[in-house]
Amino acid sequence: MEKISIFGVEIFNTTLEETMKIVSDFLDGEDTKVGFTPNTEIVMACRDDLENRKLVNSADLVVPDGIGLIYASKIHKKPLKERVTGFDISMNILKMGREKPIKLYLLGGKDGIAKMAKANIERDYEGIEVVGYHHGYFKGSQFDIYDDEKEQNIIEEINELKPDVIFVGFGFPRQEKWIAHNRDILNTKFLIGNGGVIDILAGVTKETPKIFVKLNLEWFYRLIKQPSRIIRQIALPKFLISVLINKDSVKLEGDVNEQR
């Protein structure tokens, strides 16, 4: 599959429909695969930090979760097909349970949030079994703390439960660090770093109204709901200015002949 490199972050040029076919193939396979969903803010962080860039590029699936990335690709006439969000991928994984049973593990959120999400998922999504869950407030490799007993217990539990999919919601870059460090020792088919999705599934965070999504104004809705995000939102205009003045910011990486 073709990739578009934006400030060195290699993003799959895909649609949501094509992405879900890839995820379906992951779930039918034997190996553990990883999906990351960088937005504009994350790409800016990767531009300035080689380790973060390597971390994101280590995934088997990297999709553009940010309208700024779509704009950037069009500015340099290497257009990405469409925005593909971690939320949409996650919701479509839940819908896949109608076609085949899926075992899911939830890792993230404050204590009690994942339990609430489990109840809502199993009520609303046929074929999804939430086999386990744990909050995200523990010492572990997401904080560069290795061999902590609590983290080892969580990994052992996951491996005993053998979930098909793990939702990891620590936020960037903690979820990416945790996934990359542990992917080879986890008994699962697909790990996705999906930020606040567990909070949304639990009902403690409201989903962005569809009209804002359709108009690509999710950032504005979040800013209205949480004005303190203004510092983070500045990343979008800074990103677009950087794209405009840097002719090498967006590159065509060519075809990917096989998945990592």
Protein backbone atom coordinates (compact mmCIF):
# COMPACT_ATOMS: atom_id res chain seq x y z
CA MET A 1 0.00 0.00 0.00
CA GLU A 2 1.16 3.52 -0.80
CA LYS A 3 2.50 5.65 2.02
CA ILE A 4 2.70 9.42 2.34
CA SER A 5 5.50 10.69 4.57
CA ILE A 6 4.65 13.85 6.52
CA PHE A 7 7.64 15.17 8.45
CA GLY A 8 8.98 11.63 8.39
CA VAL A 9 5.84 9.94 9.72
CA GLU A 10 4.87 7.26 7.22
CA ILE A 11 1.09 7.33 6.83
CA PHE A 12 -0.89 4.75 4.89
CA ASN A 13 -2.86 6.30 2.02
CA THR A 14 -6.05 4.45 2.76
CA THR A 15 -9.77 4.81 3.36
CA LEU A 16 -11.72 3.62 6.38
CA GLU A 17 -13.17 0.79 4.31
CA GLU A 18 -9.71 -0.31 3.14
CA THR A 19 -8.37 0.02 6.68
CA MET A 20 -11.04 -2.28 8.08
CA LYS A 21 -10.15 -4.89 5.45
CA ILE A 22 -6.55 -4.71 6.69
CA VAL A 23 -7.71 -5.05 10.31
CA SER A 24 -9.93 -7.99 9.37
CA ASP A 25 -6.92 -9.69 7.78
CA PHE A 26 -4.93 -9.03 10.96
CA LEU A 27 -7.62 -10.77 13.01
CA ASP A 28 -7.57 -13.76 10.66
CA GLY A 29 -3.78 -14.04 10.93
CA GLU A 30 -1.50 -15.54 13.53
CA ASP A 31 0.91 -12.70 14.25
CA THR A 32 0.45 -9.72 16.56
CA LYS A 33 -0.16 -6.51 14.59
CA VAL A 34 -0.19 -2.89 15.75
CA GLY A 35 -2.18 0.17 14.66
CA PHE A 36 -1.33 3.80 15.47
CA THR A 37 -3.46 6.81 14.60
CA PRO A 38 -1.35 10.00 14.59
CA ASN A 39 -3.03 13.39 14.38
CA THR A 40 -1.46 16.76 13.56
CA GLU A 41 -0.18 17.30 17.10
CA ILE A 42 1.48 13.88 17.16
CA VAL A 43 3.14 14.41 13.77
CA MET A 44 4.55 17.70 15.04
CA ALA A 45 5.94 15.89 18.09
CA CYS A 46 7.47 13.28 15.79
CA ARG A 47 9.00 15.96 13.58
CA ASP A 48 10.97 17.23 16.56
CA ASP A 49 11.77 13.86 18.16
CA LEU A 50 13.39 11.00 16.23
CA GLU A 51 12.48 8.42 18.88
CA ASN A 52 8.79 9.32 18.69
CA ARG A 53 8.99 9.12 14.89
CA LYS A 54 10.57 5.66 15.00
CA LEU A 55 7.94 4.61 17.52
CA VAL A 56 4.99 5.58 15.32
CA ASN A 57 6.60 4.19 12.17
CA SER A 58 7.11 0.81 13.88
CA ALA A 59 3.39 0.05 13.56
CA ASP A 60 1.89 -2.25 10.94
CA LEU A 61 -0.85 0.30 10.25
CA VAL A 62 -0.52 4.08 10.54
CA VAL A 63 -3.55 6.17 9.55
CA PRO A 64 -4.19 9.93 9.36
CA ASP A 65 -6.27 10.86 12.42
CA GLY A 66 -6.23 14.60 11.87
CA ILE A 67 -7.67 16.91 9.21
CA GLY A 68 -4.42 18.88 9.16
CA LEU A 69 -2.65 15.86 7.68
CA ILE A 70 -5.18 15.73 4.86
CA TYR A 71 -4.67 19.44 4.16
CA ALA A 72 -0.89 19.03 4.21
CA SER A 73 -0.96 16.18 1.70
CA LYS A 74 -3.16 18.23 -0.65
CA ILE A 75 -0.98 21.33 -0.35
CA HIS A 76 1.95 19.30 -1.72
CA LYS A 77 -0.21 17.52 -4.31
CA LYS A 78 0.23 14.10 -2.72
CA PRO A 79 -3.31 13.77 -1.38
CA LEU A 80 -4.27 11.25 1.25
CA LYS A 81 -7.58 9.61 0.34
CA GLU A 82 -9.42 10.51 3.54
CA ARG A 83 -9.14 11.01 7.26
CA VAL A 84 -9.22 7.71 9.17
CA THR A 85 -9.64 8.11 12.92
CA GLY A 86 -8.81 5.79 15.77
CA PHE A 87 -12.36 6.25 17.01
CA ASP A 88 -13.86 5.10 13.70
CA ILE A 89 -11.55 2.08 13.51
CA SER A 90 -12.44 1.14 17.09
CA MET A 91 -16.19 1.46 16.50
CA ASN A 92 -15.95 -0.60 13.33
CA ILE A 93 -14.04 -3.32 15.18
CA LEU A 94 -16.96 -3.48 17.62
CA LYS A 95 -19.40 -3.74 14.69
CA MET A 96 -17.34 -6.60 13.22
CA GLY A 97 -18.58 -8.70 16.14
CA ARG A 98 -21.85 -9.15 14.23
CA GLU A 99 -19.95 -11.15 11.60
CA LYS A 100 -17.58 -13.10 13.86
CA PRO A 101 -17.05 -13.29 17.63
CA ILE A 102 -14.30 -10.99 18.89
CA LYS A 103 -12.64 -11.09 22.29
CA LEU A 104 -11.60 -7.62 23.50
CA TYR A 105 -9.40 -6.36 26.32
CA LEU A 106 -9.65 -2.75 27.53
CA LEU A 107 -6.51 -1.11 28.94
CA GLY A 108 -6.73 2.53 29.95
CA GLY A 109 -8.72 5.24 31.67
CA LYS A 110 -9.16 5.93 35.35
CA ASP A 111 -10.08 3.18 37.78
CA GLY A 112 -13.63 1.99 37.07
CA ILE A 113 -13.91 3.52 33.58
CA ALA A 114 -12.99 0.38 31.65
CA LYS A 115 -15.51 -1.62 33.69
CA MET A 116 -18.24 0.84 32.65
CA ALA A 117 -17.10 0.60 29.04
CA LYS A 118 -17.28 -3.21 29.21
CA ALA A 119 -20.92 -3.12 30.30
CA ASN A 120 -21.88 -0.68 27.55
CA ILE A 121 -20.01 -2.58 24.83
CA GLU A 122 -21.53 -5.94 25.69
CA ARG A 123 -24.97 -4.32 25.83
CA ASP A 124 -24.67 -2.52 22.49
CA TYR A 125 -22.42 -4.69 20.33
CA GLU A 126 -23.42 -8.22 19.47
CA GLY A 127 -20.57 -10.70 19.24
CA ILE A 128 -18.08 -8.69 21.33
CA GLU A 129 -16.88 -10.28 24.56
CA VAL A 130 -14.83 -8.02 26.80
CA VAL A 131 -12.70 -10.70 28.40
CA GLY A 132 -10.78 -8.33 30.66
CA TYR A 133 -9.93 -4.76 31.54
CA HIS A 134 -7.56 -2.67 33.62
CA HIS A 135 -7.15 1.03 34.31
CA GLY A 136 -4.19 2.89 32.85
CA TYR A 137 -2.75 4.20 36.11
CA PHE A 138 0.03 1.74 36.80
CA LYS A 139 3.81 1.89 36.61
CA GLY A 140 5.12 0.29 33.46
CA SER A 141 6.99 0.57 30.19
CA GLN A 142 4.83 3.53 29.13
CA PHE A 143 6.83 5.45 31.75
CA ASP A 144 10.14 3.71 30.91
CA ILE A 145 9.73 1.57 34.04
CA TYR A 146 10.50 -2.03 33.21
CA ASP A 147 9.84 -5.32 35.02
CA ASP A 148 7.33 -3.76 37.41
CA GLU A 149 5.31 -6.49 39.10
CA LYS A 150 1.94 -4.83 38.37
CA GLU A 151 2.64 -4.56 34.68
CA GLN A 152 3.83 -8.17 34.55
CA ASN A 153 0.59 -9.28 36.21
CA ILE A 154 -1.44 -7.41 33.59
CA ILE A 155 0.54 -9.00 30.76
CA GLU A 156 0.11 -12.45 32.30
CA GLU A 157 -3.65 -11.86 32.59
CA ILE A 158 -3.89 -10.76 28.96
CA ASN A 159 -1.96 -13.80 27.78
CA GLU A 160 -4.23 -16.14 29.75
CA LEU A 161 -7.37 -14.48 28.33
CA LYS A 162 -6.05 -14.42 24.73
CA PRO A 163 -8.02 -11.41 23.45
CA ASP A 164 -8.22 -10.87 19.70
CA VAL A 165 -7.99 -7.09 20.14
CA ILE A 166 -6.60 -4.78 22.82
CA PHE A 167 -7.68 -1.15 23.06
CA VAL A 168 -4.84 0.80 24.72
CA GLY A 169 -5.87 4.27 25.86
CA PHE A 170 -2.99 6.03 27.60
CA GLY A 171 -2.60 8.96 25.21
CA PHE A 172 0.46 9.76 23.11
CA PRO A 173 3.26 8.76 23.46
CA ARG A 174 2.59 6.50 26.45
CA GLN A 175 0.26 4.10 24.63
CA GLU A 176 2.63 3.83 21.67
CA LYS A 177 5.59 3.16 23.98
CA TRP A 178 3.69 0.51 25.91
CA ILE A 179 2.45 -1.24 22.78
CA ALA A 180 5.82 -1.19 21.01
CA HIS A 181 7.63 -2.51 24.07
CA ASN A 182 5.19 -5.36 24.78
CA ARG A 183 3.79 -6.40 21.40
CA ASP A 184 6.12 -9.38 21.02
CA ILE A 185 5.16 -10.91 24.37
CA LEU A 186 1.39 -10.41 24.16
CA ASN A 187 -0.97 -13.18 23.08
CA THR A 188 -3.26 -11.11 20.86
CA LYS A 189 -3.93 -10.37 17.18
CA PHE A 190 -4.24 -6.59 17.12
CA LEU A 191 -3.32 -3.73 19.43
CA ILE A 192 -4.54 -0.22 18.73
CA GLY A 193 -3.58 2.94 20.55
CA ASN A 194 -6.86 4.84 20.61
CA GLY A 195 -6.54 7.58 23.22
CA GLY A 196 -9.84 8.48 24.86
CA VAL A 197 -12.03 5.89 23.13
CA ILE A 198 -12.49 3.88 26.33
CA ASP A 199 -13.77 7.03 28.08
CA ILE A 200 -16.27 7.57 25.26
CA LEU A 201 -17.42 3.95 25.40
CA ALA A 202 -17.87 4.30 29.15
CA GLY A 203 -20.06 7.35 28.61
CA VAL A 204 -17.89 9.72 30.66
CA THR A 205 -16.73 11.66 27.60
CA LYS A 206 -19.22 12.76 24.95
CA GLU A 207 -18.69 11.79 21.34
CA THR A 208 -18.18 14.79 19.04
CA PRO A 209 -21.49 15.69 17.35
CA LYS A 210 -21.60 14.41 13.77
CA ILE A 211 -22.10 17.89 12.28
CA PHE A 212 -18.72 18.99 13.67
CA VAL A 213 -17.11 15.80 12.32
CA LYS A 214 -18.65 16.32 8.89
CA LEU A 215 -17.38 19.92 8.76
CA ASN A 216 -13.91 18.87 10.04
CA LEU A 217 -14.42 21.08 13.09
CA GLU A 218 -13.84 18.55 15.85
CA TRP A 219 -10.96 20.70 17.12
CA PHE A 220 -13.35 23.64 17.48
CA TYR A 221 -15.92 21.57 19.38
CA ARG A 222 -13.27 20.33 21.78
CA LEU A 223 -12.01 23.87 22.27
CA ILE A 224 -15.52 25.06 23.13
CA LYS A 225 -15.95 22.22 25.63
CA GLN A 226 -12.46 22.61 27.07
CA PRO A 227 -10.95 26.10 26.54
CA SER A 228 -7.74 25.01 28.26
CA ARG A 229 -6.94 23.06 25.06
CA ILE A 230 -6.05 26.34 23.31
CA ILE A 231 -2.31 25.71 23.71
CA ARG A 232 -2.67 22.27 22.10
CA GLN A 233 -4.86 23.62 19.30
CA ILE A 234 -2.15 26.08 18.30
CA ALA A 235 -0.33 23.03 16.91
CA LEU A 236 -2.62 23.01 13.85
CA PRO A 237 -1.76 26.48 12.44
CA LYS A 238 1.90 25.97 13.37
CA PHE A 239 1.81 22.66 11.52
CA LEU A 240 0.25 24.15 8.37
CA ILE A 241 2.75 27.03 8.34
CA SER A 242 5.58 24.51 8.64
CA VAL A 243 4.14 22.50 5.77
CA LEU A 244 3.84 25.58 3.57
CA ILE A 245 7.41 26.76 4.08
CA ASN A 246 9.04 23.32 3.93
CA LYS A 247 8.84 21.86 0.43
CA ASP A 248 10.16 18.49 1.69
CA SER A 249 7.63 18.14 4.50
CA VAL A 250 5.41 15.80 2.48
CA LYS A 251 6.86 13.00 0.39
CA LEU A 252 5.57 10.00 -1.50
CA GLU A 253 7.11 6.90 0.04
CA GLY A 254 5.97 4.47 -2.67
CA ASP A 255 4.27 1.14 -2.35
CA VAL A 256 4.48 -1.12 0.66
CA ASN A 257 4.90 -4.62 -0.69
CA GLU A 258 4.21 -6.40 2.53
CA GLN A 259 2.99 -5.63 6.03
CA ARG A 260 5.58 -5.42 8.80
